[in-house]
C-alpha cells in the first residue's frame, strides 16, 4: 500500500512546491544533493505527509475545477440552455431547465429513460433539453447525426416519440436503426437525408462536444440543472432533489437558469 502511494504522493508534493521552487535561485549540485537528503530523511520519519500531500492536491484540483466550471457556465449559459439548435421537451416556459447529455448506445441512459419520462409527466413546470453526446463509437455518431437532422423537421412530441423508440429499443443504435425509427414516426425521409448533409448537423454536435469539455463532462448520462453537474444514472429522487435546489437558486438569481 505504501509503495503504491509513493509515486502519486511525490508528484503531489512537487505540484504543491512548484510555485516556491520556481522562485528559488538555481541550486548547485552539492546544494541540491543536500536538500534531497534532508527531504528523504524527513519523509522517512514522517511518511504520513505523503497522504496529506495527496489530500491537499486533490482539494486544490477540485477547487480549480469548480472555478473553471463556474466560468464555463457564465460564458456559455445561452448555448447550454437556449441554443437555437435544440428541441425543448416539457414546458417551454418552465421555471427550471434540466439538460441531459446522452448517447443512444449508453446502457445507463436507457435505464434512466423511464425516470426522465416520469419527470416530464409529473413536473408541469419542467423544461428539458437533450444534448446528443455520441462518445461510444461510430454507431453512436451515426445515430446522433440522424437525431440532430430530425430535429429540423419534427415538433417536440414527435421527436420525443423518436427518442423513446431509439433509446428504449434493444440492440445497437446506428445510422440504419435511427433511420428506421425516423420512418416509423413519420419523418420526411427525403428531407432527412438532405438535412443530414447540412453543416448545421456537425455544428450542433461540435457545440455539444465543446460544452461537455468546458463543463468537464466525459460520460453519459450527465445532467445539468442550474449550475450543478450530476453525473450518472442517479435515480429519480436524486434528480428531484437537484431540481428543488436549482429552483431555490434560480428564484434568487433568475438569469442563472
C-alpha atoms as a PDB file:
ATOM      1  CA  UNK A   1       0.000   0.000   0.000  1.00  0.00           C
ATOM      2  CA  UNK A   2       2.782   2.438   0.972  1.00  0.00           C
ATOM      3  CA  UNK A   3       4.680   1.742  -2.255  1.00  0.00           C
ATOM      4  CA  UNK A   4       1.566   2.460  -4.313  1.00  0.00           C
ATOM      5  CA  UNK A   5       1.274   5.858  -2.617  1.00  0.00           C
ATOM      6  CA  UNK A   6       4.862   6.955  -3.177  1.00  0.00           C
ATOM      7  CA  UNK A   7       4.750   7.993  -6.852  1.00  0.00           C
ATOM      8  CA  UNK A   8       1.465   9.957  -6.768  1.00  0.00           C
ATOM      9  CA  UNK A   9       2.329  11.461  -3.392  1.00  0.00           C
ATOM     10  CA  UNK A  10       5.714  12.654  -4.579  1.00  0.00           C
ATOM     11  CA  UNK A  11       4.028  14.095  -7.659  1.00  0.00           C
ATOM     12  CA  UNK A  12       1.620  15.874  -5.331  1.00  0.00           C
ATOM     13  CA  UNK A  13       4.487  17.276  -3.268  1.00  0.00           C
ATOM     14  CA  UNK A  14       6.235  18.551  -6.391  1.00  0.00           C
ATOM     15  CA  UNK A  15       2.994  20.101  -7.653  1.00  0.00           C
ATOM     16  CA  UNK A  16       2.394  21.870  -4.348  1.00  0.00           C
ATOM     17  CA  UNK A  17       6.012  23.024  -4.150  1.00  0.00           C
ATOM     18  CA  UNK A  18       6.268  24.151  -7.770  1.00  0.00           C
ATOM     19  CA  UNK A  19       5.345  27.835  -7.163  1.00  0.00           C
ATOM     20  CA  UNK A  20       8.005  28.099  -4.450  1.00  0.00           C
ATOM     21  CA  UNK A  21      10.670  26.236  -6.431  1.00  0.00           C
ATOM     22  CA  UNK A  22      10.079  28.484  -9.435  1.00  0.00           C
ATOM     23  CA  UNK A  23      11.080  31.491  -7.343  1.00  0.00           C
ATOM     24  CA  UNK A  24      14.160  29.860  -5.805  1.00  0.00           C
ATOM     25  CA  UNK A  25      17.660  30.551  -7.208  1.00  0.00           C
ATOM     26  CA  UNK A  26      19.394  27.789  -9.151  1.00  0.00           C
ATOM     27  CA  UNK A  27      20.922  25.366  -6.645  1.00  0.00           C
ATOM     28  CA  UNK A  28      24.373  23.912  -7.136  1.00  0.00           C
ATOM     29  CA  UNK A  29      24.718  20.115  -7.458  1.00  0.00           C
ATOM     30  CA  UNK A  30      26.050  19.914  -3.907  1.00  0.00           C
ATOM     31  CA  UNK A  31      23.197  22.018  -2.532  1.00  0.00           C
ATOM     32  CA  UNK A  32      20.635  20.007  -4.432  1.00  0.00           C
ATOM     33  CA  UNK A  33      22.088  16.741  -3.090  1.00  0.00           C
ATOM     34  CA  UNK A  34      21.969  18.093   0.462  1.00  0.00           C
ATOM     35  CA  UNK A  35      18.363  19.242   0.060  1.00  0.00           C
ATOM     36  CA  UNK A  36      17.318  15.884  -1.385  1.00  0.00           C
ATOM     37  CA  UNK A  37      18.920  14.071   1.544  1.00  0.00           C
ATOM     38  CA  UNK A  38      17.067  16.280   4.024  1.00  0.00           C
ATOM     39  CA  UNK A  39      13.760  15.722   2.207  1.00  0.00           C
ATOM     40  CA  UNK A  40      14.326  11.962   2.054  1.00  0.00           C
ATOM     41  CA  UNK A  41      15.093  11.746   5.761  1.00  0.00           C
ATOM     42  CA  UNK A  42      12.078  13.888   6.604  1.00  0.00           C
ATOM     43  CA  UNK A  43       9.717  11.716   4.535  1.00  0.00           C
ATOM     44  CA  UNK A  44      11.098   8.522   6.090  1.00  0.00           C
ATOM     45  CA  UNK A  45      10.482   9.955   9.548  1.00  0.00           C
ATOM     46  CA  UNK A  46       7.052  11.375   8.617  1.00  0.00           C
ATOM     47  CA  UNK A  47       5.512   9.137   5.907  1.00  0.00           C
ATOM     48  CA  UNK A  48       2.023  10.386   6.745  1.00  0.00           C
ATOM     49  CA  UNK A  49       2.860  13.636   4.966  1.00  0.00           C
ATOM     50  CA  UNK A  50       2.624  11.770   1.652  1.00  0.00           C
ATOM     51  CA  UNK A  51      -1.060  11.084   2.252  1.00  0.00           C
ATOM     52  CA  UNK A  52      -1.571  14.658   3.439  1.00  0.00           C
ATOM     53  CA  UNK A  53       0.006  15.953   0.234  1.00  0.00           C
ATOM     54  CA  UNK A  54      -2.316  13.807  -1.864  1.00  0.00           C
ATOM     55  CA  UNK A  55      -5.378  15.048   0.010  1.00  0.00           C
ATOM     56  CA  UNK A  56      -4.297  18.667  -0.331  1.00  0.00           C
ATOM     57  CA  UNK A  57      -3.557  18.312  -4.053  1.00  0.00           C
ATOM     58  CA  UNK A  58      -6.935  16.672  -4.697  1.00  0.00           C
ATOM     59  CA  UNK A  59      -8.647  19.514  -2.791  1.00  0.00           C
ATOM     60  CA  UNK A  60      -6.859  22.160  -4.830  1.00  0.00           C
ATOM     61  CA  UNK A  61      -7.608  20.364  -8.080  1.00  0.00           C
ATOM     62  CA  UNK A  62     -11.299  20.135  -7.149  1.00  0.00           C
ATOM     63  CA  UNK A  63     -11.371  23.838  -6.312  1.00  0.00           C
ATOM     64  CA  UNK A  64      -9.702  24.710  -9.617  1.00  0.00           C
ATOM     65  CA  UNK A  65     -12.215  22.520 -11.473  1.00  0.00           C
ATOM     66  CA  UNK A  66     -15.120  24.212  -9.667  1.00  0.00           C
ATOM     67  CA  UNK A  67     -13.781  27.652 -10.657  1.00  0.00           C
ATOM     68  CA  UNK A  68     -13.322  26.572 -14.276  1.00  0.00           C
ATOM     69  CA  UNK A  69     -16.817  25.084 -14.383  1.00  0.00           C
ATOM     70  CA  UNK A  70     -18.375  28.235 -12.894  1.00  0.00           C
ATOM     71  CA  UNK A  71     -16.619  30.346 -15.530  1.00  0.00           C
ATOM     72  CA  UNK A  72     -17.851  27.961 -18.241  1.00  0.00           C
ATOM     73  CA  UNK A  73     -21.438  28.284 -17.004  1.00  0.00           C
ATOM     74  CA  UNK A  74     -21.231  32.063 -17.015  1.00  0.00           C
ATOM     75  CA  UNK A  75     -19.793  32.227 -20.544  1.00  0.00           C
ATOM     76  CA  UNK A  76     -21.971  29.536 -22.158  1.00  0.00           C
ATOM     77  CA  UNK A  77     -25.379  29.798 -20.492  1.00  0.00           C
ATOM     78  CA  UNK A  78     -27.253  30.548 -23.723  1.00  0.00           C
ATOM     79  CA  UNK A  79     -25.624  27.684 -25.638  1.00  0.00           C
ATOM     80  CA  UNK A  80     -26.384  25.306 -22.792  1.00  0.00           C
ATOM     81  CA  UNK A  81     -29.999  26.274 -22.088  1.00  0.00           C
ATOM     82  CA  UNK A  82     -31.244  28.273 -25.078  1.00  0.00           C
ATOM     83  CA  UNK A  83     -29.396  27.109 -28.168  1.00  0.00           C
ATOM     84  CA  UNK A  84     -31.414  27.613 -31.382  1.00  0.00           C
ATOM     85  CA  UNK A  85     -30.333  24.106 -32.388  1.00  0.00           C
ATOM     86  CA  UNK A  86     -32.229  22.227 -29.703  1.00  0.00           C
ATOM     87  CA  UNK A  87     -35.720  20.857 -29.150  1.00  0.00           C
ATOM     88  CA  UNK A  88     -37.318  21.678 -25.824  1.00  0.00           C
ATOM     89  CA  UNK A  89     -39.397  18.962 -24.173  1.00  0.00           C
ATOM     90  CA  UNK A  90     -41.862  19.516 -21.390  1.00  0.00           C
ATOM     91  CA  UNK A  91     -42.898  23.080 -20.647  1.00  0.00           C
ATOM     92  CA  UNK A  92     -41.090  25.569 -22.958  1.00  0.00           C
ATOM     93  CA  UNK A  93     -41.846  28.331 -20.405  1.00  0.00           C
ATOM     94  CA  UNK A  94     -40.896  26.198 -17.420  1.00  0.00           C
ATOM     95  CA  UNK A  95     -39.249  27.730 -14.384  1.00  0.00           C
ATOM     96  CA  UNK A  96     -36.284  25.322 -14.450  1.00  0.00           C
ATOM     97  CA  UNK A  97     -34.358  23.524 -17.198  1.00  0.00           C
ATOM     98  CA  UNK A  98     -32.851  20.052 -16.973  1.00  0.00           C
ATOM     99  CA  UNK A  99     -30.203  19.350 -19.618  1.00  0.00           C
ATOM    100  CA  UNK A 100     -29.192  15.758 -20.367  1.00  0.00           C
ATOM    101  CA  UNK A 101     -26.038  14.803 -22.258  1.00  0.00           C
ATOM    102  CA  UNK A 102     -26.707  11.304 -23.585  1.00  0.00           C
ATOM    103  CA  UNK A 103     -25.591   8.637 -26.052  1.00  0.00           C
ATOM    104  CA  UNK A 104     -28.063   6.355 -27.838  1.00  0.00           C
ATOM    105  CA  UNK A 105     -25.848   3.345 -27.030  1.00  0.00           C
ATOM    106  CA  UNK A 106     -25.441   4.175 -23.355  1.00  0.00           C
ATOM    107  CA  UNK A 107     -26.927   1.413 -21.205  1.00  0.00           C
ATOM    108  CA  UNK A 108     -27.254   3.743 -18.222  1.00  0.00           C
ATOM    109  CA  UNK A 109     -29.077   6.302 -20.395  1.00  0.00           C
ATOM    110  CA  UNK A 110     -31.506   3.566 -21.420  1.00  0.00           C
ATOM    111  CA  UNK A 111     -32.026   2.656 -17.771  1.00  0.00           C
ATOM    112  CA  UNK A 112     -32.625   6.318 -16.864  1.00  0.00           C
ATOM    113  CA  UNK A 113     -35.144   6.960 -19.671  1.00  0.00           C
ATOM    114  CA  UNK A 114     -38.237   5.993 -17.590  1.00  0.00           C
ATOM    115  CA  UNK A 115     -37.067   8.427 -14.890  1.00  0.00           C
ATOM    116  CA  UNK A 116     -36.862  11.253 -17.418  1.00  0.00           C
ATOM    117  CA  UNK A 117     -40.320  10.390 -18.713  1.00  0.00           C
ATOM    118  CA  UNK A 118     -41.700  10.391 -15.166  1.00  0.00           C
ATOM    119  CA  UNK A 119     -40.207  13.828 -14.533  1.00  0.00           C
ATOM    120  CA  UNK A 120     -41.818  15.136 -17.723  1.00  0.00           C
ATOM    121  CA  UNK A 121     -45.156  13.613 -16.723  1.00  0.00           C
ATOM    122  CA  UNK A 122     -45.183  14.716 -13.084  1.00  0.00           C
ATOM    123  CA  UNK A 123     -43.498  18.142 -13.198  1.00  0.00           C
ATOM    124  CA  UNK A 124     -45.555  20.585 -15.251  1.00  0.00           C
ATOM    125  CA  UNK A 125     -43.006  23.371 -14.691  1.00  0.00           C
ATOM    126  CA  UNK A 126     -40.031  21.404 -16.031  1.00  0.00           C
ATOM    127  CA  UNK A 127     -38.242  22.291 -19.247  1.00  0.00           C
ATOM    128  CA  UNK A 128     -35.955  19.557 -20.664  1.00  0.00           C
ATOM    129  CA  UNK A 129     -33.170  19.935 -23.222  1.00  0.00           C
ATOM    130  CA  UNK A 130     -31.464  16.884 -24.742  1.00  0.00           C
ATOM    131  CA  UNK A 131     -27.855  17.185 -25.902  1.00  0.00           C
ATOM    132  CA  UNK A 132     -26.596  14.425 -28.212  1.00  0.00           C
ATOM    133  CA  UNK A 133     -23.159  13.420 -26.896  1.00  0.00           C
ATOM    134  CA  UNK A 134     -22.083  10.410 -29.002  1.00  0.00           C
ATOM    135  CA  UNK A 135     -18.992   9.085 -27.223  1.00  0.00           C
ATOM    136  CA  UNK A 136     -19.485   5.321 -27.556  1.00  0.00           C
ATOM    137  CA  UNK A 137     -18.268   4.686 -31.072  1.00  0.00           C
ATOM    138  CA  UNK A 138     -19.198   5.064 -34.746  1.00  0.00           C
ATOM    139  CA  UNK A 139     -22.743   3.730 -34.311  1.00  0.00           C
ATOM    140  CA  UNK A 140     -23.459   6.404 -31.728  1.00  0.00           C
ATOM    141  CA  UNK A 141     -22.159   9.124 -34.056  1.00  0.00           C
ATOM    142  CA  UNK A 142     -24.330   7.831 -36.921  1.00  0.00           C
ATOM    143  CA  UNK A 143     -27.431   7.763 -34.708  1.00  0.00           C
ATOM    144  CA  UNK A 144     -26.708  11.271 -33.410  1.00  0.00           C
ATOM    145  CA  UNK A 145     -26.405  12.598 -36.976  1.00  0.00           C
ATOM    146  CA  UNK A 146     -29.876  11.269 -37.751  1.00  0.00           C
ATOM    147  CA  UNK A 147     -31.316  12.603 -34.492  1.00  0.00           C
ATOM    148  CA  UNK A 148     -29.909  16.096 -34.919  1.00  0.00           C
ATOM    149  CA  UNK A 149     -31.142  16.302 -38.512  1.00  0.00           C
ATOM    150  CA  UNK A 150     -34.562  15.045 -37.429  1.00  0.00           C
ATOM    151  CA  UNK A 151     -34.890  17.953 -35.011  1.00  0.00           C
ATOM    152  CA  UNK A 152     -35.051  20.254 -38.037  1.00  0.00           C
ATOM    153  CA  UNK A 153     -38.427  18.865 -39.089  1.00  0.00           C
ATOM    154  CA  UNK A 154     -40.192  17.319 -36.102  1.00  0.00           C
ATOM    155  CA  UNK A 155     -42.119  19.101 -33.377  1.00  0.00           C
ATOM    156  CA  UNK A 156     -41.259  18.185 -29.798  1.00  0.00           C
ATOM    157  CA  UNK A 157     -43.929  15.463 -29.275  1.00  0.00           C
ATOM    158  CA  UNK A 158     -42.908  13.566 -32.427  1.00  0.00           C
ATOM    159  CA  UNK A 159     -39.224  13.968 -31.650  1.00  0.00           C
ATOM    160  CA  UNK A 160     -39.820  12.579 -28.157  1.00  0.00           C
ATOM    161  CA  UNK A 161     -41.507   9.556 -29.751  1.00  0.00           C
ATOM    162  CA  UNK A 162     -38.398   9.003 -31.890  1.00  0.00           C
ATOM    163  CA  UNK A 163     -36.125   9.461 -28.866  1.00  0.00           C
ATOM    164  CA  UNK A 164     -38.048   6.926 -26.785  1.00  0.00           C
ATOM    165  CA  UNK A 165     -38.104   4.334 -29.558  1.00  0.00           C
ATOM    166  CA  UNK A 166     -34.402   4.615 -30.375  1.00  0.00           C
ATOM    167  CA  UNK A 167     -33.047   4.928 -26.844  1.00  0.00           C
ATOM    168  CA  UNK A 168     -35.509   2.447 -25.385  1.00  0.00           C
ATOM    169  CA  UNK A 169     -35.040  -0.166 -28.112  1.00  0.00           C
ATOM    170  CA  UNK A 170     -32.864  -3.246 -27.928  1.00  0.00           C
ATOM    171  CA  UNK A 171     -29.661  -3.768 -29.819  1.00  0.00           C
ATOM    172  CA  UNK A 172     -27.067  -1.429 -31.219  1.00  0.00           C
ATOM    173  CA  UNK A 173     -28.113   2.072 -32.241  1.00  0.00           C
ATOM    174  CA  UNK A 174     -26.552   3.171 -35.524  1.00  0.00           C
ATOM    175  CA  UNK A 175     -27.459   5.102 -38.641  1.00  0.00           C
ATOM    176  CA  UNK A 176     -29.590   2.360 -40.146  1.00  0.00           C
ATOM    177  CA  UNK A 177     -31.582   1.778 -36.972  1.00  0.00           C
ATOM    178  CA  UNK A 178     -32.056   5.526 -36.410  1.00  0.00           C
ATOM    179  CA  UNK A 179     -33.373   5.958 -39.973  1.00  0.00           C
ATOM    180  CA  UNK A 180     -35.743   3.025 -39.466  1.00  0.00           C
ATOM    181  CA  UNK A 181     -37.165   4.632 -36.309  1.00  0.00           C
ATOM    182  CA  UNK A 182     -37.419   8.019 -38.048  1.00  0.00           C
ATOM    183  CA  UNK A 183     -39.516   6.383 -40.766  1.00  0.00           C
ATOM    184  CA  UNK A 184     -41.718   4.742 -38.114  1.00  0.00           C
ATOM    185  CA  UNK A 185     -42.555   8.107 -36.524  1.00  0.00           C
ATOM    186  CA  UNK A 186     -43.491   9.634 -39.896  1.00  0.00           C
ATOM    187  CA  UNK A 187     -40.403  11.654 -40.842  1.00  0.00           C
ATOM    188  CA  UNK A 188     -39.983  13.104 -44.320  1.00  0.00           C
ATOM    189  CA  UNK A 189     -37.146  10.772 -45.307  1.00  0.00           C
ATOM    190  CA  UNK A 190     -36.024  12.714 -48.374  1.00  0.00           C
ATOM    191  CA  UNK A 191     -35.716  15.883 -46.318  1.00  0.00           C
ATOM    192  CA  UNK A 192     -33.980  13.956 -43.535  1.00  0.00           C
ATOM    193  CA  UNK A 193     -31.322  12.683 -45.950  1.00  0.00           C
ATOM    194  CA  UNK A 194     -30.721  16.239 -47.171  1.00  0.00           C
ATOM    195  CA  UNK A 195     -30.600  17.693 -43.684  1.00  0.00           C
ATOM    196  CA  UNK A 196     -28.098  15.056 -42.563  1.00  0.00           C
ATOM    197  CA  UNK A 197     -25.644  16.505 -45.096  1.00  0.00           C
ATOM    198  CA  UNK A 198     -26.093  20.079 -43.892  1.00  0.00           C
ATOM    199  CA  UNK A 199     -23.316  21.879 -41.986  1.00  0.00           C
ATOM    200  CA  UNK A 200     -25.779  22.568 -39.183  1.00  0.00           C
ATOM    201  CA  UNK A 201     -25.717  18.937 -38.008  1.00  0.00           C
ATOM    202  CA  UNK A 202     -21.975  18.995 -37.449  1.00  0.00           C
ATOM    203  CA  UNK A 203     -22.214  22.443 -35.870  1.00  0.00           C
ATOM    204  CA  UNK A 204     -24.725  21.149 -33.311  1.00  0.00           C
ATOM    205  CA  UNK A 205     -22.585  18.141 -32.397  1.00  0.00           C
ATOM    206  CA  UNK A 206     -19.464  20.302 -32.216  1.00  0.00           C
ATOM    207  CA  UNK A 207     -21.293  22.717 -29.902  1.00  0.00           C
ATOM    208  CA  UNK A 208     -22.368  19.839 -27.652  1.00  0.00           C
ATOM    209  CA  UNK A 209     -18.819  18.459 -27.525  1.00  0.00           C
ATOM    210  CA  UNK A 210     -17.430  21.896 -26.712  1.00  0.00           C
ATOM    211  CA  UNK A 211     -19.924  22.401 -23.881  1.00  0.00           C
ATOM    212  CA  UNK A 212     -19.141  18.965 -22.474  1.00  0.00           C
ATOM    213  CA  UNK A 213     -15.424  19.720 -22.482  1.00  0.00           C
ATOM    214  CA  UNK A 214     -15.893  23.105 -20.800  1.00  0.00           C
ATOM    215  CA  UNK A 215     -18.134  21.606 -18.103  1.00  0.00           C
ATOM    216  CA  UNK A 216     -15.769  18.636 -17.562  1.00  0.00           C
ATOM    217  CA  UNK A 217     -18.394  16.161 -18.794  1.00  0.00           C
ATOM    218  CA  UNK A 218     -16.892  12.904 -20.067  1.00  0.00           C
ATOM    219  CA  UNK A 219     -19.605  10.302 -19.659  1.00  0.00           C
ATOM    220  CA  UNK A 220     -23.312   9.638 -20.114  1.00  0.00           C
ATOM    221  CA  UNK A 221     -25.825  10.267 -18.840  1.00  0.00           C
ATOM    222  CA  UNK A 222     -24.787  13.582 -17.331  1.00  0.00           C
ATOM    223  CA  UNK A 223     -27.389  16.104 -16.248  1.00  0.00           C
ATOM    224  CA  UNK A 224     -27.027  19.846 -15.808  1.00  0.00           C
ATOM    225  CA  UNK A 225     -29.563  21.694 -13.692  1.00  0.00           C
ATOM    226  CA  UNK A 226     -28.994  25.232 -12.503  1.00  0.00           C
ATOM    227  CA  UNK A 227     -25.236  25.284 -12.088  1.00  0.00           C
ATOM    228  CA  UNK A 228     -24.922  21.705 -10.872  1.00  0.00           C
ATOM    229  CA  UNK A 229     -23.495  18.867 -12.943  1.00  0.00           C
ATOM    230  CA  UNK A 230     -24.963  15.495 -11.968  1.00  0.00           C
ATOM    231  CA  UNK A 231     -23.012  12.522 -13.277  1.00  0.00           C
ATOM    232  CA  UNK A 232     -24.594   9.151 -13.955  1.00  0.00           C
ATOM    233  CA  UNK A 233     -27.983   7.475 -13.700  1.00  0.00           C
ATOM    234  CA  UNK A 234     -28.544   8.752 -10.167  1.00  0.00           C
ATOM    235  CA  UNK A 235     -32.228   7.908  -9.888  1.00  0.00           C
ATOM    236  CA  UNK A 236     -35.498   9.798  -9.822  1.00  0.00           C
ATOM    237  CA  UNK A 237     -35.318  11.049  -6.238  1.00  0.00           C
ATOM    238  CA  UNK A 238     -31.809  12.440  -6.640  1.00  0.00           C
ATOM    239  CA  UNK A 239     -32.858  14.343  -9.781  1.00  0.00           C
ATOM    240  CA  UNK A 240     -35.879  15.736  -7.944  1.00  0.00           C
ATOM    241  CA  UNK A 241     -33.610  16.904  -5.113  1.00  0.00           C
ATOM    242  CA  UNK A 242     -31.403  18.701  -7.640  1.00  0.00           C
ATOM    243  CA  UNK A 243     -34.442  20.347  -9.205  1.00  0.00           C
ATOM    244  CA  UNK A 244     -35.603  21.601  -5.806  1.00  0.00           C
ATOM    245  CA  UNK A 245     -32.189  23.128  -5.076  1.00  0.00           C
ATOM    246  CA  UNK A 246     -31.970  24.663  -8.538  1.00  0.00           C
ATOM    247  CA  UNK A 247     -35.421  26.240  -8.220  1.00  0.00           C
ATOM    248  CA  UNK A 248     -34.391  27.926  -4.978  1.00  0.00           C
ATOM    249  CA  UNK A 249     -31.141  29.182  -6.549  1.00  0.00           C
ATOM    250  CA  UNK A 250     -32.836  30.343  -9.743  1.00  0.00           C
ATOM    251  CA  UNK A 251     -35.540  32.174  -7.817  1.00  0.00           C
ATOM    252  CA  UNK A 252     -32.772  34.178  -6.167  1.00  0.00           C
ATOM    253  CA  UNK A 253     -30.832  34.659  -9.423  1.00  0.00           C
ATOM    254  CA  UNK A 254     -33.286  34.342 -12.356  1.00  0.00           C
ATOM    255  CA  UNK A 255     -30.600  34.819 -15.025  1.00  0.00           C
ATOM    256  CA  UNK A 256     -28.689  31.823 -13.679  1.00  0.00           C
ATOM    257  CA  UNK A 257     -31.024  29.355 -15.383  1.00  0.00           C
END
